[in-house]
PDB file of N, CA and C in Angstrom:
ATOM      1  N   UNK A   1     103.250  80.756  86.311  1.00  0.00           N
ATOM      2  CA  UNK A   1     103.746  80.030  87.530  1.00  0.00           C
ATOM      3  C   UNK A   1     104.712  80.897  88.114  1.00  0.00           C
ATOM      4  N   UNK A   2     104.280  80.647  89.760  1.00  0.00           N
ATOM      5  CA  UNK A   2     105.631  81.662  90.717  1.00  0.00           C
ATOM      6  C   UNK A   2     106.502  80.493  91.342  1.00  0.00           C
ATOM      7  N   UNK A   3     107.294  80.778  91.121  1.00  0.00           N
ATOM      8  CA  UNK A   3     108.467  80.248  91.853  1.00  0.00           C
ATOM      9  C   UNK A   3     108.337  80.217  93.225  1.00  0.00           C
ATOM     10  N   UNK A   4     108.759  79.384  93.948  1.00  0.00           N
ATOM     11  CA  UNK A   4     108.771  79.812  95.614  1.00  0.00           C
ATOM     12  C   UNK A   4     109.919  80.857  95.972  1.00  0.00           C
ATOM     13  N   UNK A   5     110.812  80.698  94.963  1.00  0.00           N
ATOM     14  CA  UNK A   5     111.957  82.007  95.364  1.00  0.00           C
ATOM     15  C   UNK A   5     111.205  83.331  95.260  1.00  0.00           C
ATOM     16  N   UNK A   6     110.385  83.503  94.426  1.00  0.00           N
ATOM     17  CA  UNK A   6     109.818  84.780  94.237  1.00  0.00           C
ATOM     18  C   UNK A   6     108.568  85.124  95.267  1.00  0.00           C
ATOM     19  N   UNK A   7     108.525  84.341  96.162  1.00  0.00           N
ATOM     20  CA  UNK A   7     107.846  85.059  97.216  1.00  0.00           C
ATOM     21  C   UNK A   7     108.631  85.616  98.387  1.00  0.00           C
ATOM     22  N   UNK A   8     107.718  86.745  98.768  1.00  0.00           N
ATOM     23  CA  UNK A   8     108.392  88.006  99.691  1.00  0.00           C
ATOM     24  C   UNK A   8     109.518  88.175  99.288  1.00  0.00           C
ATOM     25  N   UNK A   9     109.800  88.743  98.224  1.00  0.00           N
ATOM     26  CA  UNK A   9     111.092  89.418  97.365  1.00  0.00           C
ATOM     27  C   UNK A   9     111.234  90.876  98.472  1.00  0.00           C
ATOM     28  N   UNK A  10     112.338  90.856  98.980  1.00  0.00           N
ATOM     29  CA  UNK A  10     112.652  92.145  99.787  1.00  0.00           C
ATOM     30  C   UNK A  10     112.013  93.194  99.238  1.00  0.00           C
ATOM     31  N   UNK A  11     112.399  93.721  97.935  1.00  0.00           N
ATOM     32  CA  UNK A  11     112.164  95.073  97.388  1.00  0.00           C
ATOM     33  C   UNK A  11     110.712  95.165  97.153  1.00  0.00           C
ATOM     34  N   UNK A  12     110.350  94.143  96.686  1.00  0.00           N
ATOM     35  CA  UNK A  12     108.738  94.293  96.533  1.00  0.00           C
ATOM     36  C   UNK A  12     107.885  94.496  97.897  1.00  0.00           C
ATOM     37  N   UNK A  13     108.184  93.392  99.126  1.00  0.00           N
ATOM     38  CA  UNK A  13     107.825  93.748 100.267  1.00  0.00           C
ATOM     39  C   UNK A  13     107.626  95.055 100.606  1.00  0.00           C
ATOM     40  N   UNK A  14     108.799  95.731 100.418  1.00  0.00           N
ATOM     41  CA  UNK A  14     109.074  97.151 100.870  1.00  0.00           C
ATOM     42  C   UNK A  14     108.249  97.928 100.111  1.00  0.00           C
ATOM     43  N   UNK A  15     108.080  97.925  98.845  1.00  0.00           N
ATOM     44  CA  UNK A  15     107.112  98.886  98.043  1.00  0.00           C
ATOM     45  C   UNK A  15     105.811  98.595  98.580  1.00  0.00           C
ATOM     46  N   UNK A  16     105.252  97.290  98.827  1.00  0.00           N
ATOM     47  CA  UNK A  16     103.977  97.204  99.364  1.00  0.00           C
ATOM     48  C   UNK A  16     103.900  97.905 100.546  1.00  0.00           C
ATOM     49  N   UNK A  17     104.695  97.598 101.574  1.00  0.00           N
ATOM     50  CA  UNK A  17     104.622  97.914 103.057  1.00  0.00           C
ATOM     51  C   UNK A  17     104.690  99.499 102.721  1.00  0.00           C
ATOM     52  N   UNK A  18     105.362 100.383 102.039  1.00  0.00           N
ATOM     53  CA  UNK A  18     105.444 102.014 101.782  1.00  0.00           C
ATOM     54  C   UNK A  18     103.832 102.115 101.590  1.00  0.00           C
ATOM     55  N   UNK A  19     103.295 101.483 100.485  1.00  0.00           N
ATOM     56  CA  UNK A  19     102.084 101.795  99.922  1.00  0.00           C
ATOM     57  C   UNK A  19     100.882 101.264 101.106  1.00  0.00           C
ATOM     58  N   UNK A  20     101.528 100.180 101.961  1.00  0.00           N
ATOM     59  CA  UNK A  20     100.068 100.000 103.042  1.00  0.00           C
ATOM     60  C   UNK A  20     100.038 101.225 103.880  1.00  0.00           C
ATOM     61  N   UNK A  21     101.381 101.456 104.118  1.00  0.00           N
ATOM     62  CA  UNK A  21     101.377 102.916 105.468  1.00  0.00           C
ATOM     63  C   UNK A  21     100.820 104.182 105.026  1.00  0.00           C
ATOM     64  N   UNK A  22     100.764 104.514 103.323  1.00  0.00           N
ATOM     65  CA  UNK A  22     100.086 105.220 102.811  1.00  0.00           C
ATOM     66  C   UNK A  22      98.811 105.318 102.929  1.00  0.00           C
ATOM     67  N   UNK A  23      98.096 104.034 102.904  1.00  0.00           N
ATOM     68  CA  UNK A  23      96.774 104.009 102.901  1.00  0.00           C
ATOM     69  C   UNK A  23      96.465 104.199 104.355  1.00  0.00           C
ATOM     70  N   UNK A  24      97.277 103.820 105.288  1.00  0.00           N
ATOM     71  CA  UNK A  24      96.874 103.414 106.798  1.00  0.00           C
ATOM     72  C   UNK A  24      96.724 105.229 107.102  1.00  0.00           C
ATOM     73  N   UNK A  25      97.396 105.842 106.635  1.00  0.00           N
ATOM     74  CA  UNK A  25      97.454 107.223 106.875  1.00  0.00           C
ATOM     75  C   UNK A  25      96.648 108.053 106.310  1.00  0.00           C
ATOM     76  N   UNK A  26      96.409 107.614 105.021  1.00  0.00           N
ATOM     77  CA  UNK A  26      95.176 108.518 104.375  1.00  0.00           C
ATOM     78  C   UNK A  26      93.676 107.814 105.148  1.00  0.00           C
ATOM     79  N   UNK A  27      93.572 106.652 105.413  1.00  0.00           N
ATOM     80  CA  UNK A  27      92.386 105.967 106.258  1.00  0.00           C
ATOM     81  C   UNK A  27      92.262 106.996 107.645  1.00  0.00           C
ATOM     82  N   UNK A  28      93.466 107.076 108.277  1.00  0.00           N
ATOM     83  CA  UNK A  28      93.018 107.817 109.501  1.00  0.00           C
ATOM     84  C   UNK A  28      92.660 109.372 109.295  1.00  0.00           C
ATOM     85  N   UNK A  29      93.273 109.898 108.681  1.00  0.00           N
ATOM     86  CA  UNK A  29      93.298 111.360 107.937  1.00  0.00           C
ATOM     87  C   UNK A  29      92.137 111.301 107.287  1.00  0.00           C
ATOM     88  N   UNK A  30      91.329 110.366 106.676  1.00  0.00           N
ATOM     89  CA  UNK A  30      90.230 110.708 105.904  1.00  0.00           C
ATOM     90  C   UNK A  30      90.519 111.784 104.775  1.00  0.00           C
ATOM     91  N   UNK A  31      91.841 111.140 104.175  1.00  0.00           N
ATOM     92  CA  UNK A  31      92.095 111.841 102.666  1.00  0.00           C
ATOM     93  C   UNK A  31      91.561 110.929 101.786  1.00  0.00           C
ATOM     94  N   UNK A  32      90.348 111.353 101.381  1.00  0.00           N
ATOM     95  CA  UNK A  32      89.473 111.134 100.394  1.00  0.00           C
ATOM     96  C   UNK A  32      90.181 110.578  98.996  1.00  0.00           C
ATOM     97  N   UNK A  33      90.690 111.603  98.344  1.00  0.00           N
ATOM     98  CA  UNK A  33      91.441 111.523  97.285  1.00  0.00           C
ATOM     99  C   UNK A  33      92.530 110.561  97.283  1.00  0.00           C
ATOM    100  N   UNK A  34      93.377 110.585  98.401  1.00  0.00           N
ATOM    101  CA  UNK A  34      94.193 109.536  98.222  1.00  0.00           C
ATOM    102  C   UNK A  34      93.451 107.952  98.513  1.00  0.00           C
ATOM    103  N   UNK A  35      92.632 107.659  99.197  1.00  0.00           N
ATOM    104  CA  UNK A  35      91.811 106.452  99.646  1.00  0.00           C
ATOM    105  C   UNK A  35      91.621 106.076  98.061  1.00  0.00           C
ATOM    106  N   UNK A  36      90.775 107.096  97.362  1.00  0.00           N
ATOM    107  CA  UNK A  36      90.165 106.543  95.827  1.00  0.00           C
ATOM    108  C   UNK A  36      91.370 106.425  95.097  1.00  0.00           C
ATOM    109  N   UNK A  37      92.298 106.758  95.033  1.00  0.00           N
ATOM    110  CA  UNK A  37      93.456 106.722  94.315  1.00  0.00           C
ATOM    111  C   UNK A  37      94.099 105.485  94.356  1.00  0.00           C
ATOM    112  N   UNK A  38      94.089 104.952  95.573  1.00  0.00           N
ATOM    113  CA  UNK A  38      94.676 103.792  96.056  1.00  0.00           C
ATOM    114  C   UNK A  38      93.687 102.287  95.563  1.00  0.00           C
ATOM    115  N   UNK A  39      92.521 102.642  95.416  1.00  0.00           N
ATOM    116  CA  UNK A  39      92.136 101.517  95.060  1.00  0.00           C
ATOM    117  C   UNK A  39      91.865 101.527  93.165  1.00  0.00           C
ATOM    118  N   UNK A  40      91.880 100.398  92.783  1.00  0.00           N
ATOM    119  CA  UNK A  40      91.570  99.841  91.264  1.00  0.00           C
ATOM    120  C   UNK A  40      90.480 100.678  90.730  1.00  0.00           C
ATOM    121  N   UNK A  41      90.743 101.557  89.668  1.00  0.00           N
ATOM    122  CA  UNK A  41      89.559 102.477  89.496  1.00  0.00           C
ATOM    123  C   UNK A  41      88.867 101.442  88.053  1.00  0.00           C
ATOM    124  N   UNK A  42      88.019 100.785  88.903  1.00  0.00           N
ATOM    125  CA  UNK A  42      87.551  99.624  87.948  1.00  0.00           C
ATOM    126  C   UNK A  42      85.857  99.155  88.232  1.00  0.00           C
ATOM    127  N   UNK A  43      85.164  98.866  87.735  1.00  0.00           N
ATOM    128  CA  UNK A  43      83.728  98.502  88.350  1.00  0.00           C
ATOM    129  C   UNK A  43      84.227  97.253  88.648  1.00  0.00           C
ATOM    130  N   UNK A  44      85.030  96.264  88.692  1.00  0.00           N
ATOM    131  CA  UNK A  44      85.411  94.986  89.398  1.00  0.00           C
ATOM    132  C   UNK A  44      86.108  94.982  90.711  1.00  0.00           C
ATOM    133  N   UNK A  45      86.366  96.261  90.962  1.00  0.00           N
ATOM    134  CA  UNK A  45      87.095  96.361  92.615  1.00  0.00           C
ATOM    135  C   UNK A  45      85.805  96.247  93.576  1.00  0.00           C
ATOM    136  N   UNK A  46      86.226  95.075  94.550  1.00  0.00           N
ATOM    137  CA  UNK A  46      85.442  95.121  95.366  1.00  0.00           C
ATOM    138  C   UNK A  46      85.983  95.435  97.110  1.00  0.00           C
ATOM    139  N   UNK A  47      84.874  95.881  97.573  1.00  0.00           N
ATOM    140  CA  UNK A  47      84.860  96.037  99.186  1.00  0.00           C
ATOM    141  C   UNK A  47      83.920  95.709 100.145  1.00  0.00           C
ATOM    142  N   UNK A  48      84.326  94.528 100.980  1.00  0.00           N
ATOM    143  CA  UNK A  48      83.472  94.172 101.794  1.00  0.00           C
ATOM    144  C   UNK A  48      83.883  94.677 103.170  1.00  0.00           C
ATOM    145  N   UNK A  49      82.762  95.632 103.789  1.00  0.00           N
ATOM    146  CA  UNK A  49      83.300  96.478 104.842  1.00  0.00           C
ATOM    147  C   UNK A  49      82.441  95.370 105.966  1.00  0.00           C
ATOM    148  N   UNK A  50      82.229  95.610 107.333  1.00  0.00           N
ATOM    149  CA  UNK A  50      82.054  95.502 108.490  1.00  0.00           C
ATOM    150  C   UNK A  50      80.447  95.415 108.259  1.00  0.00           C
ATOM    151  N   UNK A  51      79.836  96.554 107.654  1.00  0.00           N
ATOM    152  CA  UNK A  51      78.408  96.804 107.331  1.00  0.00           C
ATOM    153  C   UNK A  51      78.024  97.009 106.049  1.00  0.00           C
ATOM    154  N   UNK A  52      78.932  96.841 104.838  1.00  0.00           N
ATOM    155  CA  UNK A  52      78.381  97.229 103.674  1.00  0.00           C
ATOM    156  C   UNK A  52      79.281  96.167 102.582  1.00  0.00           C
ATOM    157  N   UNK A  53      78.131  95.978 101.571  1.00  0.00           N
ATOM    158  CA  UNK A  53      79.207  95.157 100.355  1.00  0.00           C
ATOM    159  C   UNK A  53      79.107  96.243  99.189  1.00  0.00           C
ATOM    160  N   UNK A  54      80.553  96.615  98.996  1.00  0.00           N
ATOM    161  CA  UNK A  54      80.440  97.317  97.771  1.00  0.00           C
ATOM    162  C   UNK A  54      81.127  96.999  96.633  1.00  0.00           C
ATOM    163  N   UNK A  55      80.506  96.801  95.650  1.00  0.00           N
ATOM    164  CA  UNK A  55      81.120  96.605  94.161  1.00  0.00           C
ATOM    165  C   UNK A  55      80.983  97.612  93.136  1.00  0.00           C
ATOM    166  N   UNK A  56      82.460  97.742  92.728  1.00  0.00           N
ATOM    167  CA  UNK A  56      82.976  98.820  91.738  1.00  0.00           C
ATOM    168  C   UNK A  56      83.455 100.069  92.981  1.00  0.00           C
ATOM    169  N   UNK A  57      84.104 100.759  91.880  1.00  0.00           N
ATOM    170  CA  UNK A  57      84.964 102.219  92.599  1.00  0.00           C
ATOM    171  C   UNK A  57      83.906 103.035  92.787  1.00  0.00           C
ATOM    172  N   UNK A  58      82.511 103.001  92.137  1.00  0.00           N
ATOM    173  CA  UNK A  58      81.629 104.258  92.258  1.00  0.00           C
ATOM    174  C   UNK A  58      81.303 104.163  93.645  1.00  0.00           C
ATOM    175  N   UNK A  59      80.885 102.726  94.020  1.00  0.00           N
ATOM    176  CA  UNK A  59      80.382 102.309  95.183  1.00  0.00           C
ATOM    177  C   UNK A  59      81.272 102.671  96.517  1.00  0.00           C
ATOM    178  N   UNK A  60      82.436 102.374  96.205  1.00  0.00           N
ATOM    179  CA  UNK A  60      83.239 102.657  97.304  1.00  0.00           C
ATOM    180  C   UNK A  60      83.773 104.019  97.341  1.00  0.00           C
ATOM    181  N   UNK A  61      83.558 104.919  96.653  1.00  0.00           N
ATOM    182  CA  UNK A  61      83.686 106.604  96.397  1.00  0.00           C
ATOM    183  C   UNK A  61      82.755 107.085  97.208  1.00  0.00           C
ATOM    184  N   UNK A  62      81.413 106.539  96.802  1.00  0.00           N
ATOM    185  CA  UNK A  62      80.278 107.043  97.647  1.00  0.00           C
ATOM    186  C   UNK A  62      80.057 106.534  99.044  1.00  0.00           C
ATOM    187  N   UNK A  63      80.472 105.735  99.495  1.00  0.00           N
ATOM    188  CA  UNK A  63      80.567 105.001 100.824  1.00  0.00           C
ATOM    189  C   UNK A  63      81.626 105.984 101.420  1.00  0.00           C
ATOM    190  N   UNK A  64      82.488 106.166 101.066  1.00  0.00           N
ATOM    191  CA  UNK A  64      83.637 107.043 101.704  1.00  0.00           C
ATOM    192  C   UNK A  64      83.266 108.351 101.942  1.00  0.00           C
ATOM    193  N   UNK A  65      82.509 109.088 100.872  1.00  0.00           N
ATOM    194  CA  UNK A  65      82.188 110.313 100.744  1.00  0.00           C
ATOM    195  C   UNK A  65      80.953 110.438 102.039  1.00  0.00           C
ATOM    196  N   UNK A  66      80.130 109.613 102.234  1.00  0.00           N
ATOM    197  CA  UNK A  66      78.705 109.958 103.146  1.00  0.00           C
ATOM    198  C   UNK A  66      78.968 109.249 104.569  1.00  0.00           C
ATOM    199  N   UNK A  67      80.252 108.431 104.789  1.00  0.00           N
ATOM    200  CA  UNK A  67      80.252 107.732 105.851  1.00  0.00           C
ATOM    201  C   UNK A  67      80.680 108.365 107.105  1.00  0.00           C
ATOM    202  N   UNK A  68      80.567 108.301 108.508  1.00  0.00           N
ATOM    203  CA  UNK A  68      80.780 109.120 109.696  1.00  0.00           C
ATOM    204  C   UNK A  68      82.194 108.928 109.544  1.00  0.00           C
ATOM    205  N   UNK A  69      83.005 109.992 109.389  1.00  0.00           N
ATOM    206  CA  UNK A  69      84.443 109.945 109.369  1.00  0.00           C
ATOM    207  C   UNK A  69      85.171 110.384 111.053  1.00  0.00           C
ATOM    208  N   UNK A  70      84.305 110.183 112.020  1.00  0.00           N
ATOM    209  CA  UNK A  70      85.015 110.186 113.438  1.00  0.00           C
ATOM    210  C   UNK A  70      85.391 109.107 113.730  1.00  0.00           C
ATOM    211  N   UNK A  71      86.483 108.983 114.827  1.00  0.00           N
ATOM    212  CA  UNK A  71      87.124 107.958 115.441  1.00  0.00           C
ATOM    213  C   UNK A  71      87.743 107.028 114.242  1.00  0.00           C
ATOM    214  N   UNK A  72      88.379 107.635 113.060  1.00  0.00           N
ATOM    215  CA  UNK A  72      89.218 106.644 112.715  1.00  0.00           C
ATOM    216  C   UNK A  72      90.677 106.036 112.849  1.00  0.00           C
ATOM    217  N   UNK A  73      91.031 106.967 114.140  1.00  0.00           N
ATOM    218  CA  UNK A  73      92.126 106.486 114.331  1.00  0.00           C
ATOM    219  C   UNK A  73      92.439 105.278 114.827  1.00  0.00           C
ATOM    220  N   UNK A  74      93.350 104.069 114.386  1.00  0.00           N
ATOM    221  CA  UNK A  74      92.944 102.926 115.151  1.00  0.00           C
ATOM    222  C   UNK A  74      95.009 102.377 115.232  1.00  0.00           C
ATOM    223  N   UNK A  75      94.885 101.567 116.132  1.00  0.00           N
ATOM    224  CA  UNK A  75      96.229 100.602 116.551  1.00  0.00           C
ATOM    225  C   UNK A  75      95.983  99.466 115.565  1.00  0.00           C
ATOM    226  N   UNK A  76      97.280  99.027 114.931  1.00  0.00           N
ATOM    227  CA  UNK A  76      97.451  97.906 114.444  1.00  0.00           C
ATOM    228  C   UNK A  76      98.213  96.580 114.993  1.00  0.00           C
ATOM    229  N   UNK A  77      97.804  95.368 114.335  1.00  0.00           N
ATOM    230  CA  UNK A  77      98.304  94.233 115.094  1.00  0.00           C
ATOM    231  C   UNK A  77      98.430  93.032 114.354  1.00  0.00           C
ATOM    232  N   UNK A  78      99.796  92.503 114.431  1.00  0.00           N
ATOM    233  CA  UNK A  78      99.621  91.480 113.536  1.00  0.00           C
ATOM    234  C   UNK A  78      99.386  91.382 111.973  1.00  0.00           C
ATOM    235  N   UNK A  79     100.394  92.611 111.656  1.00  0.00           N
ATOM    236  CA  UNK A  79     100.298  92.803 110.418  1.00  0.00           C
ATOM    237  C   UNK A  79     101.100  91.982 109.311  1.00  0.00           C
ATOM    238  N   UNK A  80     100.449  91.421 108.586  1.00  0.00           N
ATOM    239  CA  UNK A  80     101.416  90.704 107.627  1.00  0.00           C
ATOM    240  C   UNK A  80     101.575  91.248 106.103  1.00  0.00           C
ATOM    241  N   UNK A  81     102.341  91.098 105.434  1.00  0.00           N
ATOM    242  CA  UNK A  81     102.491  91.432 103.727  1.00  0.00           C
ATOM    243  C   UNK A  81     103.163  90.262 103.283  1.00  0.00           C
ATOM    244  N   UNK A  82     102.740  89.684 102.482  1.00  0.00           N
ATOM    245  CA  UNK A  82     102.979  88.354 101.654  1.00  0.00           C
ATOM    246  C   UNK A  82     102.855  88.923 100.176  1.00  0.00           C
ATOM    247  N   UNK A  83     104.178  88.919  99.605  1.00  0.00           N
ATOM    248  CA  UNK A  83     104.194  89.150  98.253  1.00  0.00           C
ATOM    249  C   UNK A  83     104.498  88.303  97.418  1.00  0.00           C
ATOM    250  N   UNK A  84     103.928  87.950  96.209  1.00  0.00           N
ATOM    251  CA  UNK A  84     104.118  87.061  95.038  1.00  0.00           C
ATOM    252  C   UNK A  84     104.793  87.903  93.518  1.00  0.00           C
ATOM    253  N   UNK A  85     106.014  87.319  93.381  1.00  0.00           N
ATOM    254  CA  UNK A  85     106.717  87.821  92.177  1.00  0.00           C
ATOM    255  C   UNK A  85     106.665  89.159  92.175  1.00  0.00           C
ATOM    256  N   UNK A  86     106.669  90.106  91.483  1.00  0.00           N
ATOM    257  CA  UNK A  86     106.634  91.581  91.288  1.00  0.00           C
ATOM    258  C   UNK A  86     105.509  92.238  91.365  1.00  0.00           C
ATOM    259  N   UNK A  87     104.173  91.668  91.191  1.00  0.00           N
ATOM    260  CA  UNK A  87     103.045  92.235  91.002  1.00  0.00           C
ATOM    261  C   UNK A  87     101.836  92.110  91.795  1.00  0.00           C
ATOM    262  N   UNK A  88     101.848  91.227  92.871  1.00  0.00           N
ATOM    263  CA  UNK A  88     100.584  90.670  93.642  1.00  0.00           C
ATOM    264  C   UNK A  88     100.913  90.535  94.969  1.00  0.00           C
ATOM    265  N   UNK A  89     100.166  91.104  95.719  1.00  0.00           N
ATOM    266  CA  UNK A  89     100.682  90.918  97.151  1.00  0.00           C
ATOM    267  C   UNK A  89      99.160  90.916  97.875  1.00  0.00           C
ATOM    268  N   UNK A  90      99.212  90.442  99.367  1.00  0.00           N
ATOM    269  CA  UNK A  90      98.113  90.127 100.233  1.00  0.00           C
ATOM    270  C   UNK A  90      98.569  90.845 101.704  1.00  0.00           C
ATOM    271  N   UNK A  91      97.735  91.766 102.002  1.00  0.00           N
ATOM    272  CA  UNK A  91      98.125  92.287 103.424  1.00  0.00           C
ATOM    273  C   UNK A  91      96.923  91.850 104.068  1.00  0.00           C
ATOM    274  N   UNK A  92      97.458  91.755 105.340  1.00  0.00           N
ATOM    275  CA  UNK A  92      96.177  91.175 106.616  1.00  0.00           C
ATOM    276  C   UNK A  92      96.882  91.878 107.720  1.00  0.00           C
ATOM    277  N   UNK A  93      95.850  92.304 108.717  1.00  0.00           N
ATOM    278  CA  UNK A  93      96.022  93.328 109.884  1.00  0.00           C
ATOM    279  C   UNK A  93      94.918  93.079 110.905  1.00  0.00           C
ATOM    280  N   UNK A  94      94.991  92.994 112.006  1.00  0.00           N
ATOM    281  CA  UNK A  94      94.302  93.420 112.929  1.00  0.00           C
ATOM    282  C   UNK A  94      94.436  94.634 113.502  1.00  0.00           C
ATOM    283  N   UNK A  95      92.869  95.363 113.908  1.00  0.00           N
ATOM    284  CA  UNK A  95      92.942  96.492 114.389  1.00  0.00           C
ATOM    285  C   UNK A  95      92.267  96.838 115.517  1.00  0.00           C
ATOM    286  N   UNK A  96      92.401  97.663 116.406  1.00  0.00           N
ATOM    287  CA  UNK A  96      91.441  98.220 117.507  1.00  0.00           C
ATOM    288  C   UNK A  96      91.512  99.739 117.169  1.00  0.00           C
ATOM    289  N   UNK A  97      89.918 100.371 117.563  1.00  0.00           N
ATOM    290  CA  UNK A  97      89.237 101.797 117.362  1.00  0.00           C
ATOM    291  C   UNK A  97      88.836 101.978 118.878  1.00  0.00           C
ATOM    292  N   UNK A  98      88.825 103.046 119.524  1.00  0.00           N
ATOM    293  CA  UNK A  98      88.381 103.123 120.690  1.00  0.00           C
ATOM    294  C   UNK A  98      86.857 103.039 120.852  1.00  0.00           C
ATOM    295  N   UNK A  99      86.473 102.130 121.795  1.00  0.00           N
ATOM    296  CA  UNK A  99      84.721 101.961 122.026  1.00  0.00           C
ATOM    297  C   UNK A  99      84.403 100.867 120.696  1.00  0.00           C
ATOM    298  N   UNK A 100      85.238  99.845 120.042  1.00  0.00           N
ATOM    299  CA  UNK A 100      85.109  99.238 119.383  1.00  0.00           C
ATOM    300  C   UNK A 100      85.706  97.996 119.448  1.00  0.00           C
ATOM    301  N   UNK A 101      84.899  96.586 118.933  1.00  0.00           N
ATOM    302  CA  UNK A 101      85.589  95.451 118.965  1.00  0.00           C
ATOM    303  C   UNK A 101      86.725  95.494 118.206  1.00  0.00           C
ATOM    304  N   UNK A 102      87.822  94.417 118.237  1.00  0.00           N
ATOM    305  CA  UNK A 102      89.003  94.486 117.748  1.00  0.00           C
ATOM    306  C   UNK A 102      88.272  93.903 115.962  1.00  0.00           C
ATOM    307  N   UNK A 103      88.985  94.565 115.160  1.00  0.00           N
ATOM    308  CA  UNK A 103      88.769  94.128 113.591  1.00  0.00           C
ATOM    309  C   UNK A 103      89.847  93.184 112.901  1.00  0.00           C
ATOM    310  N   UNK A 104      89.289  92.959 111.720  1.00  0.00           N
ATOM    311  CA  UNK A 104      90.408  92.407 110.741  1.00  0.00           C
ATOM    312  C   UNK A 104      90.111  93.041 109.551  1.00  0.00           C
ATOM    313  N   UNK A 105      91.361  92.786 108.514  1.00  0.00           N
ATOM    314  CA  UNK A 105      91.456  93.622 107.365  1.00  0.00           C
ATOM    315  C   UNK A 105      92.364  93.021 106.605  1.00  0.00           C
ATOM    316  N   UNK A 106      91.762  92.388 105.368  1.00  0.00           N
ATOM    317  CA  UNK A 106      92.572  91.737 104.213  1.00  0.00           C
ATOM    318  C   UNK A 106      92.330  92.776 102.917  1.00  0.00           C
ATOM    319  N   UNK A 107      93.469  92.586 102.332  1.00  0.00           N
ATOM    320  CA  UNK A 107      93.772  93.697 100.824  1.00  0.00           C
ATOM    321  C   UNK A 107      94.407  92.832 100.034  1.00  0.00           C
ATOM    322  N   UNK A 108      93.835  92.617  99.055  1.00  0.00           N
ATOM    323  CA  UNK A 108      94.585  92.582  97.777  1.00  0.00           C
ATOM    324  C   UNK A 108      95.306  93.444  96.918  1.00  0.00           C
ATOM    325  N   UNK A 109      96.281  93.242  96.899  1.00  0.00           N
ATOM    326  CA  UNK A 109      97.117  94.625  96.042  1.00  0.00           C
ATOM    327  C   UNK A 109      97.438  93.754  94.625  1.00  0.00           C
ATOM    328  N   UNK A 110      97.184  94.621  93.493  1.00  0.00           N
ATOM    329  CA  UNK A 110      98.232  94.380  92.345  1.00  0.00           C
ATOM    330  C   UNK A 110      98.784  95.486  91.591  1.00  0.00           C
ATOM    331  N   UNK A 111     100.076  95.050  91.225  1.00  0.00           N
ATOM    332  CA  UNK A 111     100.940  96.529  90.784  1.00  0.00           C
ATOM    333  C   UNK A 111     100.338  96.385  89.064  1.00  0.00           C
ATOM    334  N   UNK A 112      99.839  97.857  88.858  1.00  0.00           N
ATOM    335  CA  UNK A 112      99.321  98.025  87.533  1.00  0.00           C
ATOM    336  C   UNK A 112     100.523  98.961  86.865  1.00  0.00           C
ATOM    337  N   UNK A 113     100.574  99.603  85.778  1.00  0.00           N
ATOM    338  CA  UNK A 113     101.315 100.343  85.462  1.00  0.00           C
ATOM    339  C   UNK A 113     101.340 101.491  85.824  1.00  0.00           C
ATOM    340  N   UNK A 114     100.424 101.938  86.713  1.00  0.00           N
ATOM    341  CA  UNK A 114     100.338 103.157  87.486  1.00  0.00           C
ATOM    342  C   UNK A 114     100.571 103.188  89.071  1.00  0.00           C
ATOM    343  N   UNK A 115     100.858 101.942  89.235  1.00  0.00           N
ATOM    344  CA  UNK A 115     101.063 101.824  90.806  1.00  0.00           C
ATOM    345  C   UNK A 115     100.637 100.412  91.727  1.00  0.00           C
ATOM    346  N   UNK A 116     100.958 100.462  92.730  1.00  0.00           N
ATOM    347  CA  UNK A 116     100.073  99.547  93.383  1.00  0.00           C
ATOM    348  C   UNK A 116      98.549  99.785  93.598  1.00  0.00           C
ATOM    349  N   UNK A 117      97.545  98.912  93.357  1.00  0.00           N
ATOM    350  CA  UNK A 117      96.418  99.394  93.726  1.00  0.00           C
ATOM    351  C   UNK A 117      95.593  98.206  94.673  1.00  0.00           C
ATOM    352  N   UNK A 118      94.693  98.527  95.327  1.00  0.00           N
ATOM    353  CA  UNK A 118      93.681  97.782  95.878  1.00  0.00           C
ATOM    354  C   UNK A 118      92.302  97.318  95.166  1.00  0.00           C
ATOM    355  N   UNK A 119      92.765  95.961  94.861  1.00  0.00           N
ATOM    356  CA  UNK A 119      91.628  95.237  93.822  1.00  0.00           C
ATOM    357  C   UNK A 119      90.435  94.463  94.655  1.00  0.00           C
ATOM    358  N   UNK A 120      90.635  94.335  95.678  1.00  0.00           N
ATOM    359  CA  UNK A 120      89.887  93.485  96.940  1.00  0.00           C
ATOM    360  C   UNK A 120      90.004  93.504  98.188  1.00  0.00           C
ATOM    361  N   UNK A 121      89.245  94.106  98.927  1.00  0.00           N
ATOM    362  CA  UNK A 121      89.314  94.323 100.649  1.00  0.00           C
ATOM    363  C   UNK A 121      88.266  93.679 101.237  1.00  0.00           C
ATOM    364  N   UNK A 122      88.372  93.377 102.708  1.00  0.00           N
ATOM    365  CA  UNK A 122      87.384  92.687 103.244  1.00  0.00           C
ATOM    366  C   UNK A 122      87.525  93.210 104.691  1.00  0.00           C
ATOM    367  N   UNK A 123      86.792  93.785 105.569  1.00  0.00           N
ATOM    368  CA  UNK A 123      86.866  94.164 106.894  1.00  0.00           C
ATOM    369  C   UNK A 123      86.082  93.628 107.604  1.00  0.00           C
ATOM    370  N   UNK A 124      86.148  93.358 108.669  1.00  0.00           N
ATOM    371  CA  UNK A 124      85.218  92.424 109.643  1.00  0.00           C
ATOM    372  C   UNK A 124      85.666  92.830 111.161  1.00  0.00           C
ATOM    373  N   UNK A 125      84.635  92.599 112.141  1.00  0.00           N
ATOM    374  CA  UNK A 125      84.514  93.329 113.211  1.00  0.00           C
ATOM    375  C   UNK A 125      84.483  92.237 114.511  1.00  0.00           C
ATOM    376  N   UNK A 126      84.709  91.810 115.551  1.00  0.00           N
ATOM    377  CA  UNK A 126      84.222  91.117 116.634  1.00  0.00           C
ATOM    378  C   UNK A 126      85.197  89.854 116.513  1.00  0.00           C
ATOM    379  N   UNK A 127      86.188  90.110 116.902  1.00  0.00           N
ATOM    380  CA  UNK A 127      87.362  88.844 117.081  1.00  0.00           C
ATOM    381  C   UNK A 127      87.528  89.222 118.548  1.00  0.00           C
TER     382      UNK A 127
END
């Protein structure tokens, strides 16, 4: 059970903010190795994209390898990071890319022994 006082501990929020920024940089630079590293290396990881439903790290990895890597730069709005105790966090953000409708992104992060990893992600467009 998580006590209310364990929500948004500053040092945990700082750690998640740092890894979220690493993710964002890897995404806009199409750094496939770093993107892969930041996702949980498991058949249980899930990524629901704007046009794809991916179950497991192999499906996510394949999607990243074959997707169109043009126009990846984006501006973020209303980013929120909520942490629960030392090992669980949810990040949400809205984003815009040139020529595309505003989108939304939610990521669930868990801190494993080898660091923070995305265990679930959801991306949608059209808000």
